[in-house]
Each structure stands twice: as C-alpha cells, then as structure tokens.
Amino acid sequence: MPIEFKLESDNLALFHISGELAEKEFYQIQSELGPIIHKLGYIKILIILKDFTGWESTEGWEDTSFSDRNDKLINKMAIVGDEKWRDLATLFTLKGLRPVPIEYFNANDEAQARQWLDNK
C-alpha cells in the first residue's frame, strides 16, 4: 500500500505516500481520517512523498466532498517531497482555493515543515 497513516501527538496526521497513488486508496484513507478529525476537533496534516511516482490515471479525482466536510477542522497541511511534484501537488490539493493553509517543502525539509505546522 503506497499510503501509510499514523496519528502523532498534538493532533498531527502523518502520511507517507510512495509509488503511484491510487484513487481507491486515497478515498479509503479519507474515509478513515474523517471520523478521527471530528473526534479530535482539529488536525494538522503532514504528507511525506517518498519514491512517489504520481497519481493513478483514472477519472474520479474530482470528488471534493471530504474537503467540503472537513476543511474547517484542518488547521494546516504541509507536503514534503521532490521539487518536481510541487506544482502538481499544489493543483491536487487545491491550494489557494481552500480555507486551509497549504505549503510545499523540499524533500530534505521535513523539520522545517513540522515547524511551520506548529507555528500559530
């Protein structure tokens, strides 16, 4: 499975994504995360792209119902990965079109991403 998820302290949802991200896996992890977010009341998200090869070529990625239901409870989202994925990740997460602050960090900048997530 190219998505690994764990909840860290301070309501940080950590995702490691590798290989090709499949639509089915993406929506499955969203269905697991939704109840967690609502139980905690808020969450920060850190996504680490390691050996990432992109998104499965399929239709269906346009479903934004998770964002519609949960964005008000997501404080910030940070993505850490190879620079070549910056623009596509920005488009995929709809940065600038959602109320959630979203930032992309280079592959070696996980500590900087965590610091940004912790800043109020």
PDB file of N, CA and C in Angstrom:
ATOM      1  N   MET A   1       0.847  -1.187   0.000  1.00  0.00           N
ATOM      2  CA  MET A   1       0.000   0.000   0.000  1.00  0.00           C
ATOM      3  C   MET A   1       0.888   1.244   0.000  1.00  0.00           C
ATOM      4  N   PRO A   2       0.679   2.127  -0.959  1.00  0.00           N
ATOM      5  CA  PRO A   2       1.540   3.304  -1.012  1.00  0.00           C
ATOM      6  C   PRO A   2       1.203   4.393   0.002  1.00  0.00           C
ATOM      7  N   ILE A   3       0.112   4.259   0.750  1.00  0.00           N
ATOM      8  CA  ILE A   3      -0.205   5.248   1.789  1.00  0.00           C
ATOM      9  C   ILE A   3      -0.076   4.583   3.151  1.00  0.00           C
ATOM     10  N   GLU A   4       0.741   5.197   4.000  1.00  0.00           N
ATOM     11  CA  GLU A   4       0.817   4.774   5.397  1.00  0.00           C
ATOM     12  C   GLU A   4       0.383   5.971   6.235  1.00  0.00           C
ATOM     13  N   PHE A   5      -0.459   5.721   7.219  1.00  0.00           N
ATOM     14  CA  PHE A   5      -1.009   6.786   8.047  1.00  0.00           C
ATOM     15  C   PHE A   5      -0.793   6.476   9.511  1.00  0.00           C
ATOM     16  N   LYS A   6      -0.437   7.514  10.270  1.00  0.00           N
ATOM     17  CA  LYS A   6      -0.440   7.393  11.723  1.00  0.00           C
ATOM     18  C   LYS A   6      -0.745   8.746  12.316  1.00  0.00           C
ATOM     19  N   LEU A   7      -1.346   8.716  13.477  1.00  0.00           N
ATOM     20  CA  LEU A   7      -1.679   9.930  14.207  1.00  0.00           C
ATOM     21  C   LEU A   7      -0.602  10.151  15.246  1.00  0.00           C
ATOM     22  N   GLU A   8       0.075  11.282  15.153  1.00  0.00           N
ATOM     23  CA  GLU A   8       1.102  11.630  16.123  1.00  0.00           C
ATOM     24  C   GLU A   8       0.503  12.548  17.182  1.00  0.00           C
ATOM     25  N   SER A   9       1.283  12.829  18.198  1.00  0.00           N
ATOM     26  CA  SER A   9       0.820  13.730  19.248  1.00  0.00           C
ATOM     27  C   SER A   9       0.518  15.103  18.663  1.00  0.00           C
ATOM     28  N   ASP A  10      -0.200  15.886  19.416  1.00  0.00           N
ATOM     29  CA  ASP A  10      -0.593  17.235  19.018  1.00  0.00           C
ATOM     30  C   ASP A  10      -1.455  17.234  17.765  1.00  0.00           C
ATOM     31  N   ASN A  11      -2.258  16.176  17.604  1.00  0.00           N
ATOM     32  CA  ASN A  11      -3.235  16.083  16.506  1.00  0.00           C
ATOM     33  C   ASN A  11      -2.613  16.236  15.126  1.00  0.00           C
ATOM     34  N   LEU A  12      -1.465  15.593  14.938  1.00  0.00           N
ATOM     35  CA  LEU A  12      -0.793  15.623  13.643  1.00  0.00           C
ATOM     36  C   LEU A  12      -1.027  14.307  12.915  1.00  0.00           C
ATOM     37  N   ALA A  13      -1.678  14.395  11.770  1.00  0.00           N
ATOM     38  CA  ALA A  13      -1.883  13.222  10.917  1.00  0.00           C
ATOM     39  C   ALA A  13      -0.705  13.151   9.960  1.00  0.00           C
ATOM     40  N   LEU A  14       0.049  12.072  10.039  1.00  0.00           N
ATOM     41  CA  LEU A  14       1.242  11.886   9.216  1.00  0.00           C
ATOM     42  C   LEU A  14       0.956  10.837   8.158  1.00  0.00           C
ATOM     43  N   PHE A  15       1.191  11.217   6.906  1.00  0.00           N
ATOM     44  CA  PHE A  15       1.009  10.309   5.785  1.00  0.00           C
ATOM     45  C   PHE A  15       2.334  10.135   5.057  1.00  0.00           C
ATOM     46  N   HIS A  16       2.711   8.895   4.807  1.00  0.00           N
ATOM     47  CA  HIS A  16       3.833   8.584   3.927  1.00  0.00           C
ATOM     48  C   HIS A  16       3.207   8.016   2.654  1.00  0.00           C
ATOM     49  N   ILE A  17       3.529   8.643   1.534  1.00  0.00           N
ATOM     50  CA  ILE A  17       2.982   8.193   0.258  1.00  0.00           C
ATOM     51  C   ILE A  17       4.146   7.858  -0.664  1.00  0.00           C
ATOM     52  N   SER A  18       4.111   6.646  -1.206  1.00  0.00           N
ATOM     53  CA  SER A  18       5.157   6.214  -2.131  1.00  0.00           C
ATOM     54  C   SER A  18       4.510   5.536  -3.335  1.00  0.00           C
ATOM     55  N   GLY A  19       5.287   5.412  -4.384  1.00  0.00           N
ATOM     56  CA  GLY A  19       4.765   4.774  -5.583  1.00  0.00           C
ATOM     57  C   GLY A  19       3.659   5.603  -6.202  1.00  0.00           C
ATOM     58  N   GLU A  20       2.754   4.926  -6.885  1.00  0.00           N
ATOM     59  CA  GLU A  20       1.637   5.593  -7.536  1.00  0.00           C
ATOM     60  C   GLU A  20       0.436   5.599  -6.596  1.00  0.00           C
ATOM     61  N   LEU A  21      -0.114   6.783  -6.388  1.00  0.00           N
ATOM     62  CA  LEU A  21      -1.277   6.921  -5.524  1.00  0.00           C
ATOM     63  C   LEU A  21      -2.528   6.523  -6.292  1.00  0.00           C
ATOM     64  N   ALA A  22      -3.207   5.497  -5.810  1.00  0.00           N
ATOM     65  CA  ALA A  22      -4.432   5.010  -6.450  1.00  0.00           C
ATOM     66  C   ALA A  22      -5.639   5.737  -5.874  1.00  0.00           C
ATOM     67  N   GLU A  23      -6.583   6.023  -6.728  1.00  0.00           N
ATOM     68  CA  GLU A  23      -7.798   6.715  -6.314  1.00  0.00           C
ATOM     69  C   GLU A  23      -8.502   5.961  -5.179  1.00  0.00           C
ATOM     70  N   LYS A  24      -8.632   4.654  -5.303  1.00  0.00           N
ATOM     71  CA  LYS A  24      -9.332   3.852  -4.294  1.00  0.00           C
ATOM     72  C   LYS A  24      -8.657   3.980  -2.928  1.00  0.00           C
ATOM     73  N   GLU A  25      -7.330   3.925  -2.896  1.00  0.00           N
ATOM     74  CA  GLU A  25      -6.604   4.050  -1.627  1.00  0.00           C
ATOM     75  C   GLU A  25      -6.762   5.454  -1.033  1.00  0.00           C
ATOM     76  N   PHE A  26      -6.746   6.440  -1.894  1.00  0.00           N
ATOM     77  CA  PHE A  26      -6.887   7.823  -1.449  1.00  0.00           C
ATOM     78  C   PHE A  26      -8.238   8.029  -0.760  1.00  0.00           C
ATOM     79  N   TYR A  27      -9.305   7.565  -1.389  1.00  0.00           N
ATOM     80  CA  TYR A  27     -10.631   7.746  -0.797  1.00  0.00           C
ATOM     81  C   TYR A  27     -10.834   6.858   0.428  1.00  0.00           C
ATOM     82  N   GLN A  28     -10.174   5.723   0.475  1.00  0.00           N
ATOM     83  CA  GLN A  28     -10.248   4.858   1.654  1.00  0.00           C
ATOM     84  C   GLN A  28      -9.618   5.549   2.866  1.00  0.00           C
ATOM     85  N   ILE A  29      -8.447   6.141   2.662  1.00  0.00           N
ATOM     86  CA  ILE A  29      -7.780   6.808   3.782  1.00  0.00           C
ATOM     87  C   ILE A  29      -8.581   8.036   4.220  1.00  0.00           C
ATOM     88  N   GLN A  30      -9.230   8.712   3.288  1.00  0.00           N
ATOM     89  CA  GLN A  30     -10.089   9.832   3.659  1.00  0.00           C
ATOM     90  C   GLN A  30     -11.258   9.362   4.520  1.00  0.00           C
ATOM     91  N   SER A  31     -11.830   8.217   4.185  1.00  0.00           N
ATOM     92  CA  SER A  31     -12.969   7.716   4.965  1.00  0.00           C
ATOM     93  C   SER A  31     -12.537   7.322   6.381  1.00  0.00           C
ATOM     94  N   GLU A  32     -11.278   6.918   6.548  1.00  0.00           N
ATOM     95  CA  GLU A  32     -10.759   6.603   7.879  1.00  0.00           C
ATOM     96  C   GLU A  32     -10.418   7.869   8.650  1.00  0.00           C
ATOM     97  N   LEU A  33      -9.917   8.880   7.954  1.00  0.00           N
ATOM     98  CA  LEU A  33      -9.477  10.108   8.611  1.00  0.00           C
ATOM     99  C   LEU A  33     -10.645  10.989   9.057  1.00  0.00           C
ATOM    100  N   GLY A  34     -11.728  11.017   8.299  1.00  0.00           N
ATOM    101  CA  GLY A  34     -12.870  11.872   8.628  1.00  0.00           C
ATOM    102  C   GLY A  34     -13.352  11.740  10.063  1.00  0.00           C
ATOM    103  N   PRO A  35     -13.679  10.537  10.534  1.00  0.00           N
ATOM    104  CA  PRO A  35     -14.139  10.385  11.915  1.00  0.00           C
ATOM    105  C   PRO A  35     -13.086  10.787  12.950  1.00  0.00           C
ATOM    106  N   ILE A  36     -11.821  10.569  12.631  1.00  0.00           N
ATOM    107  CA  ILE A  36     -10.744  10.963  13.552  1.00  0.00           C
ATOM    108  C   ILE A  36     -10.719  12.477  13.705  1.00  0.00           C
ATOM    109  N   ILE A  37     -10.815  13.178  12.590  1.00  0.00           N
ATOM    110  CA  ILE A  37     -10.820  14.642  12.629  1.00  0.00           C
ATOM    111  C   ILE A  37     -11.966  15.147  13.487  1.00  0.00           C
ATOM    112  N   HIS A  38     -13.155  14.597  13.291  1.00  0.00           N
ATOM    113  CA  HIS A  38     -14.320  15.073  14.029  1.00  0.00           C
ATOM    114  C   HIS A  38     -14.243  14.707  15.507  1.00  0.00           C
ATOM    115  N   LYS A  39     -13.595  13.614  15.822  1.00  0.00           N
ATOM    116  CA  LYS A  39     -13.421  13.244  17.229  1.00  0.00           C
ATOM    117  C   LYS A  39     -12.437  14.190  17.916  1.00  0.00           C
ATOM    118  N   LEU A  40     -11.341  14.521  17.235  1.00  0.00           N
ATOM    119  CA  LEU A  40     -10.318  15.381  17.826  1.00  0.00           C
ATOM    120  C   LEU A  40     -10.717  16.858  17.825  1.00  0.00           C
ATOM    121  N   GLY A  41     -11.495  17.268  16.868  1.00  0.00           N
ATOM    122  CA  GLY A  41     -11.917  18.652  16.787  1.00  0.00           C
ATOM    123  C   GLY A  41     -11.086  19.500  15.842  1.00  0.00           C
ATOM    124  N   TYR A  42      -9.850  19.135  15.647  1.00  0.00           N
ATOM    125  CA  TYR A  42      -8.998  19.789  14.659  1.00  0.00           C
ATOM    126  C   TYR A  42      -7.812  18.874  14.380  1.00  0.00           C
ATOM    127  N   ILE A  43      -7.117  19.150  13.290  1.00  0.00           N
ATOM    128  CA  ILE A  43      -5.974  18.319  12.935  1.00  0.00           C
ATOM    129  C   ILE A  43      -5.030  19.107  12.038  1.00  0.00           C
ATOM    130  N   LYS A  44      -3.774  18.747  12.086  1.00  0.00           N
ATOM    131  CA  LYS A  44      -2.767  19.242  11.143  1.00  0.00           C
ATOM    132  C   LYS A  44      -2.360  18.034  10.307  1.00  0.00           C
ATOM    133  N   ILE A  45      -2.004  18.265   9.065  1.00  0.00           N
ATOM    134  CA  ILE A  45      -1.657  17.160   8.177  1.00  0.00           C
ATOM    135  C   ILE A  45      -0.253  17.366   7.626  1.00  0.00           C
ATOM    136  N   LEU A  46       0.552  16.315   7.726  1.00  0.00           N
ATOM    137  CA  LEU A  46       1.893  16.294   7.142  1.00  0.00           C
ATOM    138  C   LEU A  46       1.959  15.127   6.172  1.00  0.00           C
ATOM    139  N   ILE A  47       2.249  15.438   4.921  1.00  0.00           N
ATOM    140  CA  ILE A  47       2.342  14.418   3.874  1.00  0.00           C
ATOM    141  C   ILE A  47       3.788  14.341   3.413  1.00  0.00           C
ATOM    142  N   ILE A  48       4.358  13.143   3.490  1.00  0.00           N
ATOM    143  CA  ILE A  48       5.729  12.906   3.040  1.00  0.00           C
ATOM    144  C   ILE A  48       5.657  12.076   1.763  1.00  0.00           C
ATOM    145  N   LEU A  49       6.143  12.634   0.665  1.00  0.00           N
ATOM    146  CA  LEU A  49       6.208  11.910  -0.606  1.00  0.00           C
ATOM    147  C   LEU A  49       7.605  11.323  -0.737  1.00  0.00           C
ATOM    148  N   LYS A  50       7.695  10.006  -0.717  1.00  0.00           N
ATOM    149  CA  LYS A  50       8.998   9.322  -0.815  1.00  0.00           C
ATOM    150  C   LYS A  50       8.893   8.288  -1.928  1.00  0.00           C
ATOM    151  N   ASP A  51       9.769   8.368  -2.894  1.00  0.00           N
ATOM    152  CA  ASP A  51       9.711   7.482  -4.063  1.00  0.00           C
ATOM    153  C   ASP A  51       8.333   7.551  -4.724  1.00  0.00           C
ATOM    154  N   PHE A  52       7.764   8.725  -4.705  1.00  0.00           N
ATOM    155  CA  PHE A  52       6.440   8.976  -5.272  1.00  0.00           C
ATOM    156  C   PHE A  52       6.547   9.022  -6.791  1.00  0.00           C
ATOM    157  N   THR A  53       5.587   8.375  -7.469  1.00  0.00           N
ATOM    158  CA  THR A  53       5.624   8.356  -8.935  1.00  0.00           C
ATOM    159  C   THR A  53       4.399   9.024  -9.560  1.00  0.00           C
ATOM    160  N   GLY A  54       3.496   9.549  -8.734  1.00  0.00           N
ATOM    161  CA  GLY A  54       2.360  10.276  -9.265  1.00  0.00           C
ATOM    162  C   GLY A  54       1.029   9.662  -8.887  1.00  0.00           C
ATOM    163  N   TRP A  55       0.009  10.103  -9.611  1.00  0.00           N
ATOM    164  CA  TRP A  55      -1.363   9.700  -9.343  1.00  0.00           C
ATOM    165  C   TRP A  55      -1.830   8.709 -10.403  1.00  0.00           C
ATOM    166  N   GLU A  56      -2.610   7.747  -9.983  1.00  0.00           N
ATOM    167  CA  GLU A  56      -3.206   6.795 -10.908  1.00  0.00           C
ATOM    168  C   GLU A  56      -3.980   7.562 -11.976  1.00  0.00           C
ATOM    169  N   SER A  57      -3.815   7.132 -13.208  1.00  0.00           N
ATOM    170  CA  SER A  57      -4.505   7.778 -14.323  1.00  0.00           C
ATOM    171  C   SER A  57      -5.908   7.189 -14.427  1.00  0.00           C
ATOM    172  N   THR A  58      -6.849   7.879 -13.796  1.00  0.00           N
ATOM    173  CA  THR A  58      -8.234   7.429 -13.777  1.00  0.00           C
ATOM    174  C   THR A  58      -9.135   8.634 -13.542  1.00  0.00           C
ATOM    175  N   GLU A  59     -10.375   8.495 -13.841  1.00  0.00           N
ATOM    176  CA  GLU A  59     -11.334   9.554 -13.542  1.00  0.00           C
ATOM    177  C   GLU A  59     -11.851   9.358 -12.124  1.00  0.00           C
ATOM    178  N   GLY A  60     -12.330  10.415 -11.525  1.00  0.00           N
ATOM    179  CA  GLY A  60     -12.895  10.305 -10.189  1.00  0.00           C
ATOM    180  C   GLY A  60     -12.164  11.127  -9.150  1.00  0.00           C
ATOM    181  N   TRP A  61     -11.055  11.730  -9.513  1.00  0.00           N
ATOM    182  CA  TRP A  61     -10.286  12.523  -8.557  1.00  0.00           C
ATOM    183  C   TRP A  61     -10.979  13.840  -8.205  1.00  0.00           C
ATOM    184  N   GLU A  62     -12.030  14.177  -8.908  1.00  0.00           N
ATOM    185  CA  GLU A  62     -12.653  15.483  -8.716  1.00  0.00           C
ATOM    186  C   GLU A  62     -13.568  15.563  -7.493  1.00  0.00           C
ATOM    187  N   ASP A  63     -13.768  14.476  -6.776  1.00  0.00           N
ATOM    188  CA  ASP A  63     -14.647  14.474  -5.603  1.00  0.00           C
ATOM    189  C   ASP A  63     -14.010  15.296  -4.476  1.00  0.00           C
ATOM    190  N   THR A  64     -14.636  16.407  -4.131  1.00  0.00           N
ATOM    191  CA  THR A  64     -14.122  17.273  -3.068  1.00  0.00           C
ATOM    192  C   THR A  64     -14.982  17.213  -1.802  1.00  0.00           C
ATOM    193  N   SER A  65     -15.817  16.198  -1.679  1.00  0.00           N
ATOM    194  CA  SER A  65     -16.734  16.139  -0.532  1.00  0.00           C
ATOM    195  C   SER A  65     -15.981  16.033   0.795  1.00  0.00           C
ATOM    196  N   PHE A  66     -14.827  15.368   0.819  1.00  0.00           N
ATOM    197  CA  PHE A  66     -14.037  15.287   2.055  1.00  0.00           C
ATOM    198  C   PHE A  66     -13.613  16.690   2.481  1.00  0.00           C
ATOM    199  N   SER A  67     -13.088  17.453   1.548  1.00  0.00           N
ATOM    200  CA  SER A  67     -12.670  18.829   1.846  1.00  0.00           C
ATOM    201  C   SER A  67     -13.849  19.666   2.298  1.00  0.00           C
ATOM    202  N   ASP A  68     -14.956  19.535   1.617  1.00  0.00           N
ATOM    203  CA  ASP A  68     -16.142  20.307   1.964  1.00  0.00           C
ATOM    204  C   ASP A  68     -16.578  20.044   3.407  1.00  0.00           C
ATOM    205  N   ARG A  69     -16.485  18.783   3.835  1.00  0.00           N
ATOM    206  CA  ARG A  69     -16.921  18.407   5.187  1.00  0.00           C
ATOM    207  C   ARG A  69     -15.882  18.720   6.263  1.00  0.00           C
ATOM    208  N   ASN A  70     -14.593  18.702   5.918  1.00  0.00           N
ATOM    209  CA  ASN A  70     -13.561  18.698   6.948  1.00  0.00           C
ATOM    210  C   ASN A  70     -12.612  19.885   6.965  1.00  0.00           C
ATOM    211  N   ASP A  71     -12.592  20.697   5.937  1.00  0.00           N
ATOM    212  CA  ASP A  71     -11.611  21.788   5.890  1.00  0.00           C
ATOM    213  C   ASP A  71     -11.673  22.714   7.100  1.00  0.00           C
ATOM    214  N   LYS A  72     -12.853  22.923   7.640  1.00  0.00           N
ATOM    215  CA  LYS A  72     -12.971  23.820   8.796  1.00  0.00           C
ATOM    216  C   LYS A  72     -12.248  23.270  10.025  1.00  0.00           C
ATOM    217  N   LEU A  73     -11.914  21.975  10.013  1.00  0.00           N
ATOM    218  CA  LEU A  73     -11.231  21.341  11.143  1.00  0.00           C
ATOM    219  C   LEU A  73      -9.763  21.019  10.845  1.00  0.00           C
ATOM    220  N   ILE A  74      -9.296  21.390   9.673  1.00  0.00           N
ATOM    221  CA  ILE A  74      -7.889  21.178   9.317  1.00  0.00           C
ATOM    222  C   ILE A  74      -7.174  22.510   9.475  1.00  0.00           C
ATOM    223  N   ASN A  75      -6.241  22.568  10.442  1.00  0.00           N
ATOM    224  CA  ASN A  75      -5.529  23.821  10.705  1.00  0.00           C
ATOM    225  C   ASN A  75      -4.556  24.171   9.589  1.00  0.00           C
ATOM    226  N   LYS A  76      -3.734  23.203   9.197  1.00  0.00           N
ATOM    227  CA  LYS A  76      -2.710  23.418   8.167  1.00  0.00           C
ATOM    228  C   LYS A  76      -2.385  22.087   7.514  1.00  0.00           C
ATOM    229  N   MET A  77      -1.811  22.175   6.307  1.00  0.00           N
ATOM    230  CA  MET A  77      -1.339  20.987   5.615  1.00  0.00           C
ATOM    231  C   MET A  77       0.040  21.297   5.026  1.00  0.00           C
ATOM    232  N   ALA A  78       0.999  20.426   5.299  1.00  0.00           N
ATOM    233  CA  ALA A  78       2.344  20.550   4.742  1.00  0.00           C
ATOM    234  C   ALA A  78       2.642  19.306   3.919  1.00  0.00           C
ATOM    235  N   ILE A  79       3.257  19.519   2.777  1.00  0.00           N
ATOM    236  CA  ILE A  79       3.657  18.418   1.899  1.00  0.00           C
ATOM    237  C   ILE A  79       5.160  18.513   1.724  1.00  0.00           C
ATOM    238  N   VAL A  80       5.835  17.384   1.904  1.00  0.00           N
ATOM    239  CA  VAL A  80       7.288  17.317   1.755  1.00  0.00           C
ATOM    240  C   VAL A  80       7.585  16.331   0.635  1.00  0.00           C
ATOM    241  N   GLY A  81       8.326  16.793  -0.375  1.00  0.00           N
ATOM    242  CA  GLY A  81       8.637  15.890  -1.474  1.00  0.00           C
ATOM    243  C   GLY A  81       9.612  16.484  -2.464  1.00  0.00           C
ATOM    244  N   ASP A  82       9.884  15.719  -3.472  1.00  0.00           N
ATOM    245  CA  ASP A  82      10.768  16.139  -4.546  1.00  0.00           C
ATOM    246  C   ASP A  82      10.188  17.379  -5.220  1.00  0.00           C
ATOM    247  N   GLU A  83      11.061  18.293  -5.568  1.00  0.00           N
ATOM    248  CA  GLU A  83      10.634  19.556  -6.180  1.00  0.00           C
ATOM    249  C   GLU A  83       9.792  19.340  -7.437  1.00  0.00           C
ATOM    250  N   LYS A  84      10.023  18.244  -8.149  1.00  0.00           N
ATOM    251  CA  LYS A  84       9.289  18.021  -9.401  1.00  0.00           C
ATOM    252  C   LYS A  84       7.789  17.828  -9.185  1.00  0.00           C
ATOM    253  N   TRP A  85       7.366  17.529  -7.940  1.00  0.00           N
ATOM    254  CA  TRP A  85       5.942  17.322  -7.653  1.00  0.00           C
ATOM    255  C   TRP A  85       5.265  18.570  -7.116  1.00  0.00           C
ATOM    256  N   ARG A  86       6.004  19.637  -6.876  1.00  0.00           N
ATOM    257  CA  ARG A  86       5.447  20.846  -6.250  1.00  0.00           C
ATOM    258  C   ARG A  86       4.189  21.355  -6.977  1.00  0.00           C
ATOM    259  N   ASP A  87       4.287  21.616  -8.258  1.00  0.00           N
ATOM    260  CA  ASP A  87       3.151  22.205  -8.978  1.00  0.00           C
ATOM    261  C   ASP A  87       1.945  21.275  -9.027  1.00  0.00           C
ATOM    262  N   LEU A  88       2.182  19.993  -9.283  1.00  0.00           N
ATOM    263  CA  LEU A  88       1.060  19.050  -9.354  1.00  0.00           C
ATOM    264  C   LEU A  88       0.419  18.844  -7.976  1.00  0.00           C
ATOM    265  N   ALA A  89       1.235  18.806  -6.923  1.00  0.00           N
ATOM    266  CA  ALA A  89       0.683  18.659  -5.572  1.00  0.00           C
ATOM    267  C   ALA A  89      -0.137  19.890  -5.191  1.00  0.00           C
ATOM    268  N   THR A  90       0.326  21.057  -5.607  1.00  0.00           N
ATOM    269  CA  THR A  90      -0.407  22.291  -5.346  1.00  0.00           C
ATOM    270  C   THR A  90      -1.769  22.254  -6.040  1.00  0.00           C
ATOM    271  N   LEU A  91      -1.780  21.791  -7.282  1.00  0.00           N
ATOM    272  CA  LEU A  91      -3.054  21.654  -8.000  1.00  0.00           C
ATOM    273  C   LEU A  91      -3.945  20.600  -7.359  1.00  0.00           C
ATOM    274  N   PHE A  92      -3.361  19.458  -7.006  1.00  0.00           N
ATOM    275  CA  PHE A  92      -4.130  18.351  -6.443  1.00  0.00           C
ATOM    276  C   PHE A  92      -4.807  18.747  -5.132  1.00  0.00           C
ATOM    277  N   THR A  93      -4.103  19.503  -4.305  1.00  0.00           N
ATOM    278  CA  THR A  93      -4.659  19.892  -3.003  1.00  0.00           C
ATOM    279  C   THR A  93      -5.534  21.144  -3.089  1.00  0.00           C
ATOM    280  N   LEU A  94      -5.622  21.733  -4.268  1.00  0.00           N
ATOM    281  CA  LEU A  94      -6.419  22.942  -4.485  1.00  0.00           C
ATOM    282  C   LEU A  94      -5.948  24.099  -3.607  1.00  0.00           C
ATOM    283  N   LYS A  95      -4.614  24.187  -3.437  1.00  0.00           N
ATOM    284  CA  LYS A  95      -4.041  25.270  -2.649  1.00  0.00           C
ATOM    285  C   LYS A  95      -4.532  26.604  -3.203  1.00  0.00           C
ATOM    286  N   GLY A  96      -4.954  27.466  -2.302  1.00  0.00           N
ATOM    287  CA  GLY A  96      -5.455  28.778  -2.692  1.00  0.00           C
ATOM    288  C   GLY A  96      -6.954  28.809  -2.932  1.00  0.00           C
ATOM    289  N   LEU A  97      -7.555  27.648  -3.104  1.00  0.00           N
ATOM    290  CA  LEU A  97      -8.997  27.573  -3.313  1.00  0.00           C
ATOM    291  C   LEU A  97      -9.723  27.027  -2.085  1.00  0.00           C
ATOM    292  N   ARG A  98      -8.946  26.621  -1.094  1.00  0.00           N
ATOM    293  CA  ARG A  98      -9.500  26.079   0.147  1.00  0.00           C
ATOM    294  C   ARG A  98      -9.117  27.003   1.298  1.00  0.00           C
ATOM    295  N   PRO A  99      -9.843  26.955   2.407  1.00  0.00           N
ATOM    296  CA  PRO A  99      -9.504  27.812   3.548  1.00  0.00           C
ATOM    297  C   PRO A  99      -8.313  27.298   4.358  1.00  0.00           C
ATOM    298  N   VAL A 100      -7.768  26.165   3.987  1.00  0.00           N
ATOM    299  CA  VAL A 100      -6.663  25.543   4.711  1.00  0.00           C
ATOM    300  C   VAL A 100      -5.328  26.074   4.184  1.00  0.00           C
ATOM    301  N   PRO A 101      -4.463  26.584   5.069  1.00  0.00           N
ATOM    302  CA  PRO A 101      -3.119  26.949   4.613  1.00  0.00           C
ATOM    303  C   PRO A 101      -2.358  25.679   4.200  1.00  0.00           C
ATOM    304  N   ILE A 102      -1.822  25.690   2.989  1.00  0.00           N
ATOM    305  CA  ILE A 102      -1.103  24.538   2.452  1.00  0.00           C
ATOM    306  C   ILE A 102       0.249  25.021   1.949  1.00  0.00           C
ATOM    307  N   GLU A 103       1.318  24.342   2.376  1.00  0.00           N
ATOM    308  CA  GLU A 103       2.667  24.689   1.920  1.00  0.00           C
ATOM    309  C   GLU A 103       3.392  23.427   1.468  1.00  0.00           C
ATOM    310  N   TYR A 104       4.264  23.604   0.491  1.00  0.00           N
ATOM    311  CA  TYR A 104       5.076  22.512  -0.049  1.00  0.00           C
ATOM    312  C   TYR A 104       6.523  22.764   0.349  1.00  0.00           C
ATOM    313  N   PHE A 105       7.190  21.712   0.822  1.00  0.00           N
ATOM    314  CA  PHE A 105       8.576  21.795   1.253  1.00  0.00           C
ATOM    315  C   PHE A 105       9.409  20.770   0.482  1.00  0.00           C
ATOM    316  N   ASN A 106      10.665  21.119   0.229  1.00  0.00           N
ATOM    317  CA  ASN A 106      11.562  20.204  -0.471  1.00  0.00           C
ATOM    318  C   ASN A 106      11.805  18.946   0.349  1.00  0.00           C
ATOM    319  N   ALA A 107      12.231  17.905  -0.314  1.00  0.00           N
ATOM    320  CA  ALA A 107      12.371  16.573   0.284  1.00  0.00           C
ATOM    321  C   ALA A 107      13.201  16.549   1.563  1.00  0.00           C
ATOM    322  N   ASN A 108      14.177  17.399   1.682  1.00  0.00           N
ATOM    323  CA  ASN A 108      15.042  17.390   2.873  1.00  0.00           C
ATOM    324  C   ASN A 108      14.561  18.337   3.965  1.00  0.00           C
ATOM    325  N   ASP A 109      13.387  18.898   3.819  1.00  0.00           N
ATOM    326  CA  ASP A 109      12.916  19.933   4.739  1.00  0.00           C
ATOM    327  C   ASP A 109      11.763  19.492   5.641  1.00  0.00           C
ATOM    328  N   GLU A 110      11.750  18.224   6.040  1.00  0.00           N
ATOM    329  CA  GLU A 110      10.672  17.759   6.920  1.00  0.00           C
ATOM    330  C   GLU A 110      10.654  18.527   8.236  1.00  0.00           C
ATOM    331  N   ALA A 111      11.834  18.799   8.813  1.00  0.00           N
ATOM    332  CA  ALA A 111      11.888  19.536  10.083  1.00  0.00           C
ATOM    333  C   ALA A 111      11.289  20.929   9.915  1.00  0.00           C
ATOM    334  N   GLN A 112      11.573  21.574   8.808  1.00  0.00           N
ATOM    335  CA  GLN A 112      11.016  22.898   8.529  1.00  0.00           C
ATOM    336  C   GLN A 112       9.493  22.815   8.367  1.00  0.00           C
ATOM    337  N   ALA A 113       9.015  21.774   7.702  1.00  0.00           N
ATOM    338  CA  ALA A 113       7.572  21.589   7.532  1.00  0.00           C
ATOM    339  C   ALA A 113       6.891  21.396   8.884  1.00  0.00           C
ATOM    340  N   ARG A 114       7.500  20.592   9.742  1.00  0.00           N
ATOM    341  CA  ARG A 114       6.927  20.372  11.074  1.00  0.00           C
ATOM    342  C   ARG A 114       6.897  21.672  11.878  1.00  0.00           C
ATOM    343  N   GLN A 115       7.948  22.454  11.763  1.00  0.00           N
ATOM    344  CA  GLN A 115       7.997  23.732  12.470  1.00  0.00           C
ATOM    345  C   GLN A 115       6.899  24.661  11.958  1.00  0.00           C
ATOM    346  N   TRP A 116       6.715  24.705  10.641  1.00  0.00           N
ATOM    347  CA  TRP A 116       5.659  25.539  10.076  1.00  0.00           C
ATOM    348  C   TRP A 116       4.285  25.090  10.576  1.00  0.00           C
ATOM    349  N   LEU A 117       4.067  23.781  10.647  1.00  0.00           N
ATOM    350  CA  LEU A 117       2.791  23.269  11.151  1.00  0.00           C
ATOM    351  C   LEU A 117       2.548  23.665  12.595  1.00  0.00           C
ATOM    352  N   ASP A 118       3.613  23.727  13.391  1.00  0.00           N
ATOM    353  CA  ASP A 118       3.470  24.051  14.805  1.00  0.00           C
ATOM    354  C   ASP A 118       3.291  25.541  15.070  1.00  0.00           C
ATOM    355  N   ASN A 119       3.704  26.391  14.126  1.00  0.00           N
ATOM    356  CA  ASN A 119       3.551  27.836  14.317  1.00  0.00           C
ATOM    357  C   ASN A 119       2.097  28.229  14.188  1.00  0.00           C
ATOM    358  N   LYS A 120       1.661  29.059  15.073  1.00  0.00           N
ATOM    359  CA  LYS A 120       0.260  29.516  15.086  1.00  0.00           C
ATOM    360  C   LYS A 120       0.018  30.560  14.031  1.00  0.00           C
TER     361      LYS A 120
END
